[in-house]
């Protein structure tokens, strides 16, 4: 049963990146997963699918949220267990949906002729995006995708790990993607109980599925905000490209140094105007809400459901903090914005807990009622401000 609103199909037009090529680049560059026998891989895939199913009633209970039109659904969307290359493919589809129309906005000359993106430009973009996705593909455990049902399927080659799903069809209104080799790698590295960890991961991701099912407007709202921001960012990038060489080097150098030092947020912050920073902060506030809420829900089930939940959280937090990471890895995390992502989890979780302490879980759930109820960047850091605005 479809519970997540299918996003409107984005406008058909040129793309600033060759997304099919980006998926192929990422698939070729992504490192292979940990070694495992066929029986171990089959157990992993079956275990993840089972965990995804078992997580649904738990997140419904702990969040007290109701998907639009259905009180107690048996599922919250399709579930795909994939390898790293297929995760990269899924994310090129997400990006294709989120960036639809950006090229039109940037390249239109006011005539009726559709703008044209040079093939060389699209391929350069594909190489850049594919390289970043190849790095991230070894780090992501799972992801709920509410966007790519409206994007054309990307055709990409790549290997599969045992019984993982070989195809990620377009047209799915919402899908949960679980990256099997990464789950296995973390289980082994942190010495976790596999069944507990797999369920814990799925509790987080199914909470995301529930968020979009409860607020059917959320996917299109985020896509519109992100699309507007990307258009502005692309315009800024074009202005930078047209600048003198000395100005380019100074701007890029400051941005990289600030990112490596942990100053000013992620690498992209170094290229933003003040208005673009405000737009990014608003989008980041919503992402902090979504991630923090999912983190609160995955821990709220308690040891009766996930027996080793406290041990998992303790070890996982140490991993998030980079325990044992090399200096190069720490720099890479900062440049790619991964430390900012970690801050989103913690800031968002603190916001959720503070609101629930003040007005209860049902009071917090007012956040899903309408776009205007979403917290601003200031309110993520000041939960009482959100409570005053929304509850009076």
Protein backbone atom coordinates (compact mmCIF):
# COMPACT_ATOMS: atom_id res chain seq x y z
CA UNK A 1 0.00 0.00 0.00
CA UNK A 2 1.36 3.41 -0.95
CA UNK A 3 1.62 5.60 2.13
CA UNK A 4 4.08 8.23 0.95
CA UNK A 5 2.86 10.85 -1.45
CA UNK A 6 4.43 10.39 -4.82
CA UNK A 7 6.28 13.60 -5.69
CA UNK A 8 5.16 15.40 -8.80
CA UNK A 9 7.29 14.47 -11.79
CA UNK A 10 9.99 17.12 -12.16
CA UNK A 11 10.10 19.16 -15.34
CA UNK A 12 11.65 17.39 -18.30
CA UNK A 13 14.74 19.26 -19.38
CA UNK A 14 18.52 19.23 -19.54
CA UNK A 15 20.57 18.00 -16.61
CA UNK A 16 23.67 19.68 -15.25
CA UNK A 17 25.18 16.22 -14.60
CA UNK A 18 25.12 13.02 -16.62
CA UNK A 19 23.60 10.98 -13.79
CA UNK A 20 23.95 7.63 -15.55
CA UNK A 21 27.69 8.28 -15.98
CA UNK A 22 27.94 9.40 -12.34
CA UNK A 23 26.46 6.08 -11.19
CA UNK A 24 28.95 4.19 -13.36
CA UNK A 25 31.90 6.19 -11.99
CA UNK A 26 30.81 5.58 -8.40
CA UNK A 27 30.26 1.87 -9.08
CA UNK A 28 33.76 1.48 -10.49
CA UNK A 29 35.49 3.48 -7.75
CA UNK A 30 33.59 2.16 -4.70
CA UNK A 31 35.69 -0.21 -2.61
CA UNK A 32 34.46 -3.80 -2.36
CA UNK A 33 32.78 -4.79 0.88
CA UNK A 34 34.13 -7.19 3.51
CA UNK A 35 34.70 -10.80 2.54
CA UNK A 36 31.92 -13.22 3.47
CA UNK A 37 30.69 -16.62 2.39
CA UNK A 38 27.55 -17.01 0.30
CA UNK A 39 25.70 -18.38 3.34
CA UNK A 40 26.77 -15.38 5.44
CA UNK A 41 25.62 -12.98 2.75
CA UNK A 42 22.27 -14.74 2.39
CA UNK A 43 21.78 -14.55 6.16
CA UNK A 44 22.71 -10.86 6.13
CA UNK A 45 20.25 -9.98 3.37
CA UNK A 46 17.41 -12.02 4.90
CA UNK A 47 18.18 -10.55 8.32
CA UNK A 48 18.01 -6.98 7.03
CA UNK A 49 14.72 -7.55 5.24
CA UNK A 50 13.26 -9.17 8.35
CA UNK A 51 14.53 -6.32 10.55
CA UNK A 52 12.98 -3.73 8.23
CA UNK A 53 9.62 -5.45 8.58
CA UNK A 54 9.85 -5.89 12.36
CA UNK A 55 10.83 -2.24 12.85
CA UNK A 56 7.52 -0.83 11.55
CA UNK A 57 5.22 -1.58 14.54
CA UNK A 58 7.92 -0.44 16.97
CA UNK A 59 8.35 3.00 15.37
CA UNK A 60 4.57 3.42 15.20
CA UNK A 61 4.36 2.70 18.93
CA UNK A 62 7.23 4.87 20.14
CA UNK A 63 6.49 7.89 17.93
CA UNK A 64 2.68 7.80 18.22
CA UNK A 65 2.55 9.10 14.65
CA UNK A 66 -0.20 8.20 12.17
CA UNK A 67 0.56 7.90 8.46
CA UNK A 68 -1.86 9.83 6.27
CA UNK A 69 -4.98 7.71 5.72
CA UNK A 70 -3.77 4.56 7.49
CA UNK A 71 -3.59 4.04 11.25
CA UNK A 72 -1.55 0.82 11.53
CA UNK A 73 0.15 -0.02 8.23
CA UNK A 74 2.04 -3.28 7.86
CA UNK A 75 4.76 -1.55 5.84
CA UNK A 76 5.96 1.96 5.08
CA UNK A 77 7.40 1.49 1.60
CA UNK A 78 9.48 -0.90 -0.46
CA UNK A 79 12.70 -2.30 1.01
CA UNK A 80 15.85 -2.91 -1.05
CA UNK A 81 19.02 -4.53 0.25
CA UNK A 82 21.88 -3.37 -1.97
CA UNK A 83 25.62 -3.26 -2.42
CA UNK A 84 27.67 -0.08 -2.56
CA UNK A 85 27.37 0.42 -6.31
CA UNK A 86 23.57 0.18 -6.15
CA UNK A 87 23.48 2.66 -3.27
CA UNK A 88 25.39 5.09 -5.47
CA UNK A 89 22.88 4.47 -8.27
CA UNK A 90 20.00 5.21 -5.90
CA UNK A 91 21.61 8.48 -4.90
CA UNK A 92 22.13 9.62 -8.46
CA UNK A 93 18.37 9.15 -8.88
CA UNK A 94 17.70 11.22 -5.76
CA UNK A 95 20.02 13.95 -7.03
CA UNK A 96 18.41 13.87 -10.46
CA UNK A 97 15.04 14.54 -8.86
CA UNK A 98 16.32 17.26 -6.53
CA UNK A 99 18.18 19.11 -9.31
CA UNK A 100 15.46 18.86 -11.96
CA UNK A 101 14.95 22.31 -13.43
CA UNK A 102 18.22 23.78 -12.17
CA UNK A 103 19.75 23.84 -15.65
CA UNK A 104 16.63 25.52 -17.02
CA UNK A 105 16.87 28.26 -14.40
CA UNK A 106 20.58 28.87 -14.99
CA UNK A 107 20.88 28.60 -18.76
CA UNK A 108 17.60 29.99 -20.07
CA UNK A 109 18.12 32.93 -22.41
CA UNK A 110 14.48 34.04 -22.33
CA UNK A 111 13.60 32.41 -25.67
CA UNK A 112 11.36 29.39 -26.27
CA UNK A 113 14.39 27.26 -27.09
CA UNK A 114 15.25 24.74 -24.35
CA UNK A 115 18.66 25.39 -22.79
CA UNK A 116 21.45 23.01 -23.67
CA UNK A 117 24.08 21.63 -21.32
CA UNK A 118 27.31 20.75 -23.16
CA UNK A 119 28.07 17.05 -22.93
CA UNK A 120 31.58 17.75 -21.65
CA UNK A 121 30.13 19.81 -18.78
CA UNK A 122 27.68 17.05 -17.85
CA UNK A 123 30.46 14.45 -17.89
CA UNK A 124 32.77 16.57 -15.73
CA UNK A 125 29.93 16.87 -13.24
CA UNK A 126 29.42 13.11 -13.42
CA UNK A 127 33.08 12.45 -12.58
CA UNK A 128 32.96 14.81 -9.61
CA UNK A 129 29.68 13.48 -8.19
CA UNK A 130 30.65 9.86 -8.84
CA UNK A 131 33.95 10.27 -7.00
CA UNK A 132 32.26 11.68 -3.89
CA UNK A 133 29.55 8.99 -3.94
CA UNK A 134 32.22 6.30 -4.19
CA UNK A 135 33.72 7.53 -0.89
CA UNK A 136 30.36 7.84 0.86
CA UNK A 137 29.18 4.46 -0.45
CA UNK A 138 31.39 2.67 2.08
CA UNK A 139 30.00 4.67 5.02
CA UNK A 140 26.21 4.73 4.72
CA UNK A 141 24.23 1.97 6.46
CA UNK A 142 20.76 2.80 5.22
CA UNK A 143 18.69 5.53 3.67
CA UNK A 144 15.02 6.26 3.09
CA UNK A 145 14.47 7.78 -0.34
CA UNK A 146 11.18 9.66 -0.95
CA UNK A 147 12.38 11.40 -4.13
CA UNK A 148 13.58 9.11 -6.87
CA UNK A 149 10.19 7.68 -7.80
CA UNK A 150 9.85 10.76 -9.97
CA UNK A 151 13.24 10.41 -11.62
CA UNK A 152 14.18 8.20 -14.52
CA UNK A 153 16.05 5.07 -13.54
CA UNK A 154 19.81 5.31 -13.88
CA UNK A 155 21.37 2.41 -15.74
CA UNK A 156 24.63 1.42 -14.14
CA UNK A 157 26.91 -1.57 -14.03
CA UNK A 158 28.46 -2.95 -10.88
CA UNK A 159 28.81 -5.99 -8.76
CA UNK A 160 26.32 -7.39 -6.30
CA UNK A 161 27.01 -8.91 -2.90
CA UNK A 162 25.27 -12.27 -2.70
CA UNK A 163 21.50 -11.89 -2.67
CA UNK A 164 21.33 -8.11 -2.77
CA UNK A 165 18.78 -6.52 -5.10
CA UNK A 166 20.17 -6.02 -8.58
CA UNK A 167 17.58 -3.50 -9.72
CA UNK A 168 16.24 -0.33 -8.07
CA UNK A 169 13.25 0.46 -10.30
CA UNK A 170 12.06 4.00 -10.79
CA UNK A 171 8.46 4.75 -9.97
CA UNK A 172 8.62 3.70 -6.32
CA UNK A 173 7.00 6.47 -4.23
CA UNK A 174 9.26 5.75 -1.27
CA UNK A 175 11.90 3.13 -0.70
CA UNK A 176 14.20 2.06 2.08
CA UNK A 177 17.70 1.22 0.85
CA UNK A 178 19.92 -0.84 3.18
CA UNK A 179 23.61 -1.18 2.29
CA UNK A 180 24.46 -4.78 3.22
CA UNK A 181 28.30 -4.71 3.10
CA UNK A 182 28.46 -1.61 5.32
CA UNK A 183 26.15 -3.10 7.94
CA UNK A 184 28.32 -6.23 8.00
CA UNK A 185 31.52 -4.18 8.24
CA UNK A 186 30.27 -2.16 11.25
CA UNK A 187 28.94 -5.28 12.99
CA UNK A 188 32.36 -6.86 12.79
CA UNK A 189 34.37 -3.74 13.59
CA UNK A 190 32.34 -2.90 16.72
CA UNK A 191 31.69 -6.52 17.77
CA UNK A 192 27.91 -6.06 17.82
CA UNK A 193 25.09 -8.59 18.07
CA UNK A 194 24.02 -8.78 14.39
CA UNK A 195 20.25 -9.19 14.90
CA UNK A 196 20.17 -6.30 17.39
CA UNK A 197 22.23 -3.97 15.22
CA UNK A 198 20.23 -4.70 12.06
CA UNK A 199 16.97 -3.95 13.84
CA UNK A 200 18.47 -0.78 15.38
CA UNK A 201 19.51 0.50 11.95
CA UNK A 202 16.06 -0.27 10.51
CA UNK A 203 14.33 1.51 13.39
CA UNK A 204 16.13 4.70 12.37
CA UNK A 205 15.36 4.36 8.67
CA UNK A 206 11.74 3.29 9.14
CA UNK A 207 11.25 6.36 11.32
CA UNK A 208 12.25 8.42 8.27
CA UNK A 209 9.71 6.49 6.19
CA UNK A 210 7.08 7.29 8.82
CA UNK A 211 7.97 10.99 8.80
CA UNK A 212 7.27 11.26 5.07
CA UNK A 213 4.15 9.09 5.38
CA UNK A 214 2.75 11.26 8.18
CA UNK A 215 3.56 14.52 6.36
CA UNK A 216 2.82 13.84 2.66
CA UNK A 217 3.83 17.41 1.80
CA UNK A 218 7.34 17.00 3.21
CA UNK A 219 9.08 15.50 0.17
CA UNK A 220 7.89 18.20 -2.26
CA UNK A 221 8.59 20.93 0.33
CA UNK A 222 12.19 19.81 0.74
CA UNK A 223 12.67 19.35 -2.99
CA UNK A 224 11.45 22.90 -3.68
CA UNK A 225 13.68 24.40 -0.99
CA UNK A 226 16.69 22.37 -2.08
CA UNK A 227 16.08 23.16 -5.75
CA UNK A 228 15.95 26.88 -5.03
CA UNK A 229 19.15 26.70 -3.01
CA UNK A 230 20.92 24.63 -5.68
CA UNK A 231 19.95 27.15 -8.34
CA UNK A 232 21.43 29.97 -6.28
CA UNK A 233 24.56 27.95 -5.50
CA UNK A 234 25.04 27.08 -9.15
CA UNK A 235 24.74 30.75 -10.08
CA UNK A 236 27.40 31.57 -7.48
CA UNK A 237 29.62 28.84 -8.90
CA UNK A 238 29.21 30.31 -12.36
CA UNK A 239 30.21 33.74 -11.06
CA UNK A 240 33.26 32.16 -9.44
CA UNK A 241 34.13 30.40 -12.71
CA UNK A 242 34.06 33.76 -14.50
CA UNK A 243 36.25 35.46 -11.88
CA UNK A 244 39.94 36.20 -12.26
CA UNK A 245 42.35 33.37 -11.46
CA UNK A 246 43.70 35.07 -8.34
CA UNK A 247 40.22 35.55 -6.91
CA UNK A 248 39.35 31.91 -7.65
CA UNK A 249 42.43 30.63 -5.85
CA UNK A 250 41.86 32.85 -2.81
CA UNK A 251 38.19 31.83 -2.52
CA UNK A 252 38.85 28.11 -2.92
CA UNK A 253 41.85 28.24 -0.60
CA UNK A 254 39.91 29.95 2.20
CA UNK A 255 37.03 27.49 1.83
CA UNK A 256 39.27 24.43 2.00
CA UNK A 257 41.26 25.74 4.98
CA UNK A 258 38.09 26.63 6.91
CA UNK A 259 36.62 23.19 6.24
CA UNK A 260 39.78 21.35 7.30
CA UNK A 261 40.09 23.45 10.46
CA UNK A 262 36.42 22.85 11.27
CA UNK A 263 35.59 26.55 10.89
CA UNK A 264 32.54 27.87 9.10
CA UNK A 265 30.79 24.54 8.55
CA UNK A 266 31.40 22.46 5.43
CA UNK A 267 33.48 23.18 2.35
CA UNK A 268 30.47 24.66 0.54
CA UNK A 269 30.11 27.40 3.19
CA UNK A 270 33.20 29.10 1.84
CA UNK A 271 31.43 29.84 -1.45
CA UNK A 272 28.08 31.09 -0.06
CA UNK A 273 26.61 34.55 0.06
CA UNK A 274 24.83 35.62 3.26
CA UNK A 275 21.42 34.88 1.73
CA UNK A 276 22.57 31.46 0.56
CA UNK A 277 23.86 30.67 4.06
CA UNK A 278 20.45 31.51 5.51
CA UNK A 279 18.73 29.27 2.97
CA UNK A 280 21.15 26.45 3.72
CA UNK A 281 20.65 26.87 7.47
CA UNK A 282 16.87 26.55 7.06
CA UNK A 283 17.20 23.37 4.99
CA UNK A 284 19.77 22.03 7.47
CA UNK A 285 17.35 22.72 10.35
CA UNK A 286 14.75 20.45 8.75
CA UNK A 287 17.37 17.76 8.16
CA UNK A 288 18.46 18.05 11.80
CA UNK A 289 14.84 17.54 12.83
CA UNK A 290 14.47 14.42 10.67
CA UNK A 291 17.78 12.86 11.73
CA UNK A 292 17.46 13.75 15.40
CA UNK A 293 13.91 12.45 15.60
CA UNK A 294 14.97 9.15 14.01
CA UNK A 295 17.84 8.85 16.49
CA UNK A 296 15.48 9.43 19.43
CA UNK A 297 13.02 6.84 18.10
CA UNK A 298 15.65 4.15 17.52
CA UNK A 299 16.80 4.41 21.14
CA UNK A 300 13.30 4.82 22.62
CA UNK A 301 12.37 1.20 21.91
CA UNK A 302 14.62 0.19 24.81
CA UNK A 303 16.33 -3.08 25.71
CA UNK A 304 13.09 -5.08 25.62
CA UNK A 305 13.15 -4.74 21.85
CA UNK A 306 16.88 -4.33 21.18
CA UNK A 307 18.60 -6.07 24.07
CA UNK A 308 22.02 -4.49 23.50
CA UNK A 309 20.75 -1.03 22.50
CA UNK A 310 22.83 0.84 25.10
CA UNK A 311 26.01 -0.92 24.07
CA UNK A 312 25.27 -0.26 20.40
CA UNK A 313 24.67 3.44 21.05
CA UNK A 314 27.87 3.80 23.11
CA UNK A 315 30.03 2.10 20.49
CA UNK A 316 28.32 3.85 17.60
CA UNK A 317 28.78 7.29 19.14
CA UNK A 318 32.49 6.55 19.51
CA UNK A 319 32.55 5.61 15.83
CA UNK A 320 30.75 8.83 14.89
CA UNK A 321 33.30 10.79 16.89
CA UNK A 322 36.04 9.23 14.79
CA UNK A 323 37.61 6.96 17.40
CA UNK A 324 40.60 5.34 15.73
CA UNK A 325 40.28 7.44 12.56
CA UNK A 326 43.42 8.60 10.78
CA UNK A 327 44.21 12.28 10.37
CA UNK A 328 43.42 12.02 6.66
CA UNK A 329 40.03 10.51 7.42
CA UNK A 330 39.18 13.35 9.80
CA UNK A 331 40.10 15.91 7.11
CA UNK A 332 38.02 14.05 4.53
CA UNK A 333 35.01 14.03 6.86
CA UNK A 334 35.24 17.78 7.29
CA UNK A 335 35.70 18.58 3.62
CA UNK A 336 32.75 16.35 2.62
CA UNK A 337 30.57 17.79 5.36
CA UNK A 338 30.31 14.55 7.35
CA UNK A 339 31.03 16.26 10.67
CA UNK A 340 28.19 18.66 9.93
CA UNK A 341 25.95 15.62 9.38
CA UNK A 342 26.93 14.23 12.80
CA UNK A 343 26.09 17.58 14.40
CA UNK A 344 22.66 17.37 12.73
CA UNK A 345 21.92 14.10 14.52
CA UNK A 346 22.87 15.50 17.92
CA UNK A 347 21.33 18.97 17.57
CA UNK A 348 18.11 17.48 16.21
CA UNK A 349 17.90 14.86 18.94
CA UNK A 350 18.42 17.52 21.62
CA UNK A 351 15.61 19.59 20.06
CA UNK A 352 13.21 16.62 20.00
CA UNK A 353 13.92 15.66 23.61
CA UNK A 354 13.55 19.26 24.81
CA UNK A 355 10.21 19.70 23.04
CA UNK A 356 8.89 16.38 24.34
CA UNK A 357 9.94 17.31 27.86
CA UNK A 358 7.97 20.56 27.54
CA UNK A 359 4.78 19.54 25.65
CA UNK A 360 4.96 15.76 25.41
CA UNK A 361 5.30 13.48 22.41
CA UNK A 362 1.90 14.37 20.97
CA UNK A 363 2.78 18.06 21.32
CA UNK A 364 6.02 17.46 19.44
CA UNK A 365 4.12 15.68 16.65
CA UNK A 366 2.52 19.01 15.71
CA UNK A 367 5.74 19.52 13.74
CA UNK A 368 4.35 17.21 11.01
CA UNK A 369 1.08 19.13 10.57
CA UNK A 370 2.23 21.76 8.04
CA UNK A 371 5.39 23.29 6.54
CA UNK A 372 5.07 26.36 8.77
CA UNK A 373 5.42 24.11 11.83
CA UNK A 374 8.93 23.02 10.85
CA UNK A 375 11.63 24.49 13.12
CA UNK A 376 13.95 27.21 11.93
CA UNK A 377 17.70 27.06 12.43
CA UNK A 378 17.35 29.30 15.50
CA UNK A 379 14.61 27.09 16.96
CA UNK A 380 16.67 23.92 16.61
CA UNK A 381 19.02 25.51 19.15
CA UNK A 382 16.14 26.97 21.20
CA UNK A 383 13.32 24.43 21.51
CA UNK A 384 11.26 26.73 23.75
CA UNK A 385 11.09 29.26 20.93
CA UNK A 386 9.49 26.62 18.71
CA UNK A 387 7.04 25.63 21.47
CA UNK A 388 6.02 29.26 21.98
CA UNK A 389 5.50 29.83 18.26
CA UNK A 390 3.56 26.63 17.55
CA UNK A 391 1.72 26.02 20.85
CA UNK A 392 1.41 29.60 22.13
